[in-house]
């Protein structure tokens, strides 16, 4: 079970994440009329339903955005898992129960607030627990399939251009080029042929440069930002796959996918390189135009 909760999961927060719970809340109040709402006419239930639905929408938006601001590392989309998704949903449900209970207490002040919380919790959990679990499992399955299909297609395209992969025989045009890696002060730290530069990894205010030298992979730490290093590299060879990574496309030998993103395997490198969701759509075109 612990392994299951650690599985990668897509972080999905869009209009539907807000609209669906709000609409369901509105329908519950208007149609099923819990909390003695059946004692009131339809106009009152509609107005009450709209008020509570707006509260629900605001609570969801504020809860998620606040968590992302206060806990950016925990809420990182690139490290999102099934467990984190479940805990996020549980947190939002608890906040919703409190917010709905408070709103209903204002609308019906003669009702016990504690009893409102208990009844709201029982109705909310009873109506949402199974849809939530099914939704999480469905999203996991759907995105796993989508990413697997993308990864399979991209890996096939890699195999079709194996002649371009770096081997002992290098592309002459590429070999003649020189890449200058500079520090943030403009000082030249490394002077390499593009064929020797494998990938670059962000490390706070520094970048780690991984390159071949003397038949071994070497690493050099340079004070600079990844976005600055990106401007020093030819875009026909190097690909910004992620906020923290730039890779030499000619070293990509395999692409795999999980429910969250794509993963690049580089020739001679143990570390796998993630592809952010924003970059997935352009991997194919990059590989097709790779030099």
Protein backbone atom coordinates (compact mmCIF):
# COMPACT_ATOMS: atom_id res chain seq x y z
CA UNK A 1 0.00 0.00 0.00
CA UNK A 2 2.84 2.41 0.85
CA UNK A 3 4.43 1.75 -2.55
CA UNK A 4 1.09 2.43 -4.23
CA UNK A 5 0.77 5.85 -2.58
CA UNK A 6 4.31 6.75 -3.74
CA UNK A 7 3.41 6.18 -7.40
CA UNK A 8 3.73 9.29 -9.63
CA UNK A 9 0.42 11.03 -10.22
CA UNK A 10 -0.49 14.02 -12.41
CA UNK A 11 -1.21 17.22 -10.53
CA UNK A 12 -4.53 18.31 -11.99
CA UNK A 13 -6.07 21.57 -10.86
CA UNK A 14 -8.27 23.22 -13.46
CA UNK A 15 -11.76 24.70 -13.89
CA UNK A 16 -13.35 21.28 -13.51
CA UNK A 17 -11.64 20.81 -10.14
CA UNK A 18 -13.66 23.81 -8.94
CA UNK A 19 -16.82 23.53 -11.03
CA UNK A 20 -17.74 19.89 -10.34
CA UNK A 21 -17.77 20.11 -6.49
CA UNK A 22 -19.64 23.43 -6.67
CA UNK A 23 -22.35 22.09 -8.99
CA UNK A 24 -22.75 18.91 -6.91
CA UNK A 25 -23.14 21.02 -3.75
CA UNK A 26 -25.75 23.20 -5.44
CA UNK A 27 -27.75 20.17 -6.63
CA UNK A 28 -27.63 18.52 -3.21
CA UNK A 29 -29.09 21.60 -1.51
CA UNK A 30 -31.71 22.33 -4.17
CA UNK A 31 -32.81 18.78 -5.04
CA UNK A 32 -32.21 16.72 -1.90
CA UNK A 33 -32.68 19.62 0.54
CA UNK A 34 -30.75 18.30 3.57
CA UNK A 35 -30.46 20.16 6.89
CA UNK A 36 -34.27 20.78 6.90
CA UNK A 37 -34.06 22.83 3.69
CA UNK A 38 -37.20 20.96 2.58
CA UNK A 39 -39.11 23.24 4.93
CA UNK A 40 -38.33 26.17 2.64
CA UNK A 41 -39.49 26.98 -0.87
CA UNK A 42 -37.47 26.42 -4.05
CA UNK A 43 -36.34 30.09 -4.42
CA UNK A 44 -34.78 30.05 -0.93
CA UNK A 45 -33.05 26.71 -1.63
CA UNK A 46 -31.71 27.98 -4.96
CA UNK A 47 -30.30 31.15 -3.37
CA UNK A 48 -28.83 29.14 -0.49
CA UNK A 49 -27.39 26.60 -2.95
CA UNK A 50 -25.75 29.36 -4.97
CA UNK A 51 -24.24 30.95 -1.86
CA UNK A 52 -22.86 27.64 -0.58
CA UNK A 53 -21.57 26.71 -4.07
CA UNK A 54 -19.65 29.97 -4.35
CA UNK A 55 -18.19 29.33 -0.87
CA UNK A 56 -17.14 25.84 -2.00
CA UNK A 57 -15.43 27.23 -5.11
CA UNK A 58 -13.58 29.88 -3.12
CA UNK A 59 -12.48 27.38 -0.45
CA UNK A 60 -11.05 25.02 -3.08
CA UNK A 61 -9.13 27.79 -4.88
CA UNK A 62 -7.82 29.39 -1.69
CA UNK A 63 -6.87 26.06 -0.09
CA UNK A 64 -4.86 24.81 -3.05
CA UNK A 65 -3.20 28.14 -3.82
CA UNK A 66 -2.32 28.70 -0.15
CA UNK A 67 -0.74 25.26 0.12
CA UNK A 68 1.25 25.84 -3.08
CA UNK A 69 2.53 29.13 -1.68
CA UNK A 70 3.30 27.92 1.85
CA UNK A 71 4.64 24.48 0.88
CA UNK A 72 6.13 24.86 -2.63
CA UNK A 73 8.41 21.82 -2.32
CA UNK A 74 5.66 19.56 -1.01
CA UNK A 75 3.24 20.83 -3.67
CA UNK A 76 5.73 20.49 -6.52
CA UNK A 77 3.89 19.11 -9.56
CA UNK A 78 7.01 17.27 -10.67
CA UNK A 79 7.09 15.26 -7.43
CA UNK A 80 3.36 14.68 -7.13
CA UNK A 81 2.19 11.22 -6.06
CA UNK A 82 -1.06 9.33 -5.44
CA UNK A 83 -0.50 9.76 -1.70
CA UNK A 84 -0.12 13.52 -1.99
CA UNK A 85 -3.21 13.71 -4.20
CA UNK A 86 -5.24 11.78 -1.63
CA UNK A 87 -4.00 13.96 1.27
CA UNK A 88 -4.72 17.14 -0.71
CA UNK A 89 -8.27 16.01 -1.45
CA UNK A 90 -8.77 15.01 2.20
CA UNK A 91 -7.50 18.41 3.38
CA UNK A 92 -9.81 20.27 0.98
CA UNK A 93 -12.77 18.11 2.03
CA UNK A 94 -12.15 18.91 5.71
CA UNK A 95 -11.92 22.65 4.97
CA UNK A 96 -15.09 22.39 2.86
CA UNK A 97 -16.96 20.68 5.69
CA UNK A 98 -16.03 23.51 8.06
CA UNK A 99 -16.82 26.22 5.49
CA UNK A 100 -20.18 24.69 4.49
CA UNK A 101 -21.13 24.17 8.14
CA UNK A 102 -20.32 27.79 8.97
CA UNK A 103 -22.26 29.04 5.95
CA UNK A 104 -25.30 26.90 6.82
CA UNK A 105 -25.09 28.10 10.43
CA UNK A 106 -25.29 31.69 9.18
CA UNK A 107 -28.26 30.79 6.97
CA UNK A 108 -29.92 28.76 9.75
CA UNK A 109 -28.68 30.26 13.06
CA UNK A 110 -31.13 28.27 15.18
CA UNK A 111 -29.33 25.02 14.33
CA UNK A 112 -26.54 23.64 16.50
CA UNK A 113 -23.17 24.34 14.85
CA UNK A 114 -21.74 21.05 16.13
CA UNK A 115 -24.64 19.07 14.69
CA UNK A 116 -24.20 20.92 11.37
CA UNK A 117 -20.55 19.87 11.25
CA UNK A 118 -21.43 16.23 11.97
CA UNK A 119 -24.22 16.13 9.39
CA UNK A 120 -22.18 18.01 6.79
CA UNK A 121 -19.26 15.66 7.34
CA UNK A 122 -21.44 12.55 7.03
CA UNK A 123 -23.12 13.76 3.84
CA UNK A 124 -19.91 15.08 2.27
CA UNK A 125 -17.87 11.97 3.01
CA UNK A 126 -20.69 9.60 2.03
CA UNK A 127 -21.19 11.35 -1.32
CA UNK A 128 -17.55 12.05 -2.13
CA UNK A 129 -15.34 9.22 -0.86
CA UNK A 130 -16.06 6.74 -3.64
CA UNK A 131 -16.12 9.31 -6.48
CA UNK A 132 -12.80 10.68 -5.19
CA UNK A 133 -11.13 7.26 -5.06
CA UNK A 134 -12.52 6.31 -8.48
CA UNK A 135 -11.39 9.65 -9.92
CA UNK A 136 -7.84 9.25 -8.58
CA UNK A 137 -7.55 5.68 -9.87
CA UNK A 138 -9.05 6.66 -13.23
CA UNK A 139 -6.68 9.60 -13.67
CA UNK A 140 -3.78 7.33 -12.72
CA UNK A 141 -4.80 4.73 -15.33
CA UNK A 142 -5.63 7.27 -18.05
CA UNK A 143 -2.42 9.28 -17.75
CA UNK A 144 -0.33 6.12 -17.42
CA UNK A 145 -1.73 4.91 -20.77
CA UNK A 146 -1.29 8.30 -22.44
CA UNK A 147 2.31 8.65 -21.29
CA UNK A 148 3.11 5.06 -22.24
CA UNK A 149 1.79 5.63 -25.75
CA UNK A 150 3.79 8.86 -26.08
CA UNK A 151 6.94 7.23 -24.73
CA UNK A 152 6.59 4.24 -27.07
CA UNK A 153 6.13 6.48 -30.11
CA UNK A 154 9.07 8.68 -29.16
CA UNK A 155 11.34 5.70 -28.50
CA UNK A 156 10.46 4.33 -31.95
CA UNK A 157 11.41 7.66 -33.49
CA UNK A 158 14.72 7.47 -31.62
CA UNK A 159 15.44 4.04 -33.04
CA UNK A 160 14.74 5.32 -36.53
CA UNK A 161 17.46 7.93 -36.16
CA UNK A 162 20.09 5.84 -34.37
CA UNK A 163 22.60 6.93 -36.95
CA UNK A 164 22.55 10.37 -35.31
CA UNK A 165 23.33 9.08 -31.85
CA UNK A 166 26.84 9.81 -30.69
CA UNK A 167 29.18 6.92 -31.21
CA UNK A 168 32.86 6.86 -31.96
CA UNK A 169 32.06 8.42 -35.32
CA UNK A 170 30.80 11.94 -34.66
CA UNK A 171 28.92 14.36 -36.83
CA UNK A 172 31.62 16.51 -38.42
CA UNK A 173 29.59 19.71 -38.39
CA UNK A 174 28.87 19.28 -34.69
CA UNK A 175 32.48 18.47 -33.86
CA UNK A 176 33.67 21.75 -35.33
CA UNK A 177 31.48 23.78 -33.01
CA UNK A 178 32.56 24.96 -29.59
CA UNK A 179 30.35 25.71 -26.62
CA UNK A 180 31.51 28.27 -24.08
CA UNK A 181 30.06 27.82 -20.59
CA UNK A 182 30.36 31.01 -18.58
CA UNK A 183 29.76 31.96 -14.95
CA UNK A 184 27.24 34.65 -14.05
CA UNK A 185 30.14 37.13 -14.08
CA UNK A 186 30.85 36.27 -17.71
CA UNK A 187 34.02 34.32 -17.05
CA UNK A 188 34.60 31.26 -19.26
CA UNK A 189 34.49 28.15 -17.05
CA UNK A 190 34.37 25.45 -19.72
CA UNK A 191 35.09 25.24 -23.42
CA UNK A 192 33.59 22.10 -24.93
CA UNK A 193 32.52 20.50 -28.14
CA UNK A 194 28.72 19.95 -28.07
CA UNK A 195 29.34 16.22 -28.55
CA UNK A 196 31.03 16.10 -25.13
CA UNK A 197 28.40 18.01 -23.15
CA UNK A 198 25.79 15.49 -21.95
CA UNK A 199 23.43 17.46 -19.72
CA UNK A 200 23.14 20.39 -17.33
CA UNK A 201 21.36 20.29 -13.99
CA UNK A 202 20.19 23.22 -11.90
CA UNK A 203 21.33 23.38 -8.28
CA UNK A 204 19.96 26.57 -6.74
CA UNK A 205 22.18 29.47 -7.82
CA UNK A 206 24.55 26.99 -9.45
CA UNK A 207 24.46 24.55 -12.33
CA UNK A 208 26.14 21.15 -12.58
CA UNK A 209 27.71 20.50 -15.98
CA UNK A 210 28.09 16.82 -16.91
CA UNK A 211 30.51 16.20 -19.77
CA UNK A 212 32.90 13.63 -21.22
CA UNK A 213 36.61 14.12 -20.61
CA UNK A 214 39.36 11.49 -20.76
CA UNK A 215 36.76 8.80 -21.53
CA UNK A 216 34.93 9.52 -18.26
CA UNK A 217 31.92 11.57 -17.23
CA UNK A 218 33.08 14.64 -15.34
CA UNK A 219 31.03 17.14 -13.33
CA UNK A 220 31.75 20.82 -12.83
CA UNK A 221 29.82 23.19 -10.58
CA UNK A 222 29.41 26.70 -11.97
CA UNK A 223 27.65 29.68 -10.40
CA UNK A 224 24.98 30.64 -12.89
CA UNK A 225 21.30 30.15 -13.65
CA UNK A 226 20.05 27.40 -15.94
CA UNK A 227 18.18 29.90 -18.10
CA UNK A 228 21.47 31.72 -18.76
CA UNK A 229 23.25 28.50 -19.66
CA UNK A 230 20.41 27.68 -22.06
CA UNK A 231 21.19 30.77 -24.13
CA UNK A 232 24.80 29.57 -24.57
CA UNK A 233 23.77 26.24 -26.12
CA UNK A 234 22.53 25.56 -29.67
CA UNK A 235 18.79 24.83 -29.54
CA UNK A 236 19.07 22.29 -32.36
CA UNK A 237 21.12 20.02 -30.10
CA UNK A 238 20.14 20.87 -26.52
CA UNK A 239 16.66 20.60 -25.06
CA UNK A 240 15.32 22.25 -21.87
CA UNK A 241 13.28 19.25 -20.75
CA UNK A 242 12.47 20.56 -17.30
CA UNK A 243 12.94 23.59 -15.06
CA UNK A 244 16.03 21.87 -13.68
CA UNK A 245 17.50 20.11 -16.73
CA UNK A 246 18.97 20.71 -20.17
CA UNK A 247 19.93 17.62 -22.15
CA UNK A 248 21.95 16.90 -25.26
CA UNK A 249 19.34 15.29 -27.50
CA UNK A 250 21.89 13.05 -29.17
CA UNK A 251 22.42 11.18 -25.91
CA UNK A 252 18.74 10.23 -25.50
CA UNK A 253 18.48 6.49 -26.08
CA UNK A 254 15.14 5.66 -24.47
CA UNK A 255 11.99 7.41 -23.31
CA UNK A 256 9.65 6.04 -20.67
CA UNK A 257 6.44 7.41 -19.20
CA UNK A 258 4.58 7.34 -15.93
CA UNK A 259 1.28 8.90 -14.93
CA UNK A 260 2.96 12.23 -14.19
CA UNK A 261 5.49 12.83 -16.94
CA UNK A 262 8.02 11.39 -19.37
CA UNK A 263 11.47 10.17 -18.37
CA UNK A 264 14.59 10.37 -20.56
CA UNK A 265 17.39 7.80 -20.43
CA UNK A 266 20.77 9.08 -21.59
CA UNK A 267 23.58 7.01 -23.03
CA UNK A 268 26.17 6.22 -20.35
CA UNK A 269 24.25 8.06 -17.60
CA UNK A 270 22.52 6.41 -14.64
CA UNK A 271 20.44 9.44 -13.67
CA UNK A 272 17.11 9.70 -15.49
CA UNK A 273 15.93 13.10 -16.74
CA UNK A 274 12.29 14.20 -16.28
CA UNK A 275 10.30 15.96 -18.97
CA UNK A 276 7.83 18.46 -17.54
CA UNK A 277 4.24 18.36 -18.74
CA UNK A 278 4.69 21.68 -20.53
CA UNK A 279 7.58 20.22 -22.57
CA UNK A 280 6.03 16.87 -23.48
CA UNK A 281 4.28 18.24 -26.56
CA UNK A 282 7.52 19.54 -28.11
CA UNK A 283 9.80 16.54 -27.48
CA UNK A 284 8.78 14.92 -30.77
CA UNK A 285 9.46 18.02 -32.88
CA UNK A 286 12.80 18.53 -31.13
CA UNK A 287 13.91 14.98 -31.91
CA UNK A 288 12.79 15.30 -35.53
CA UNK A 289 14.91 18.44 -35.97
CA UNK A 290 17.83 17.21 -33.89
CA UNK A 291 21.26 17.78 -35.43
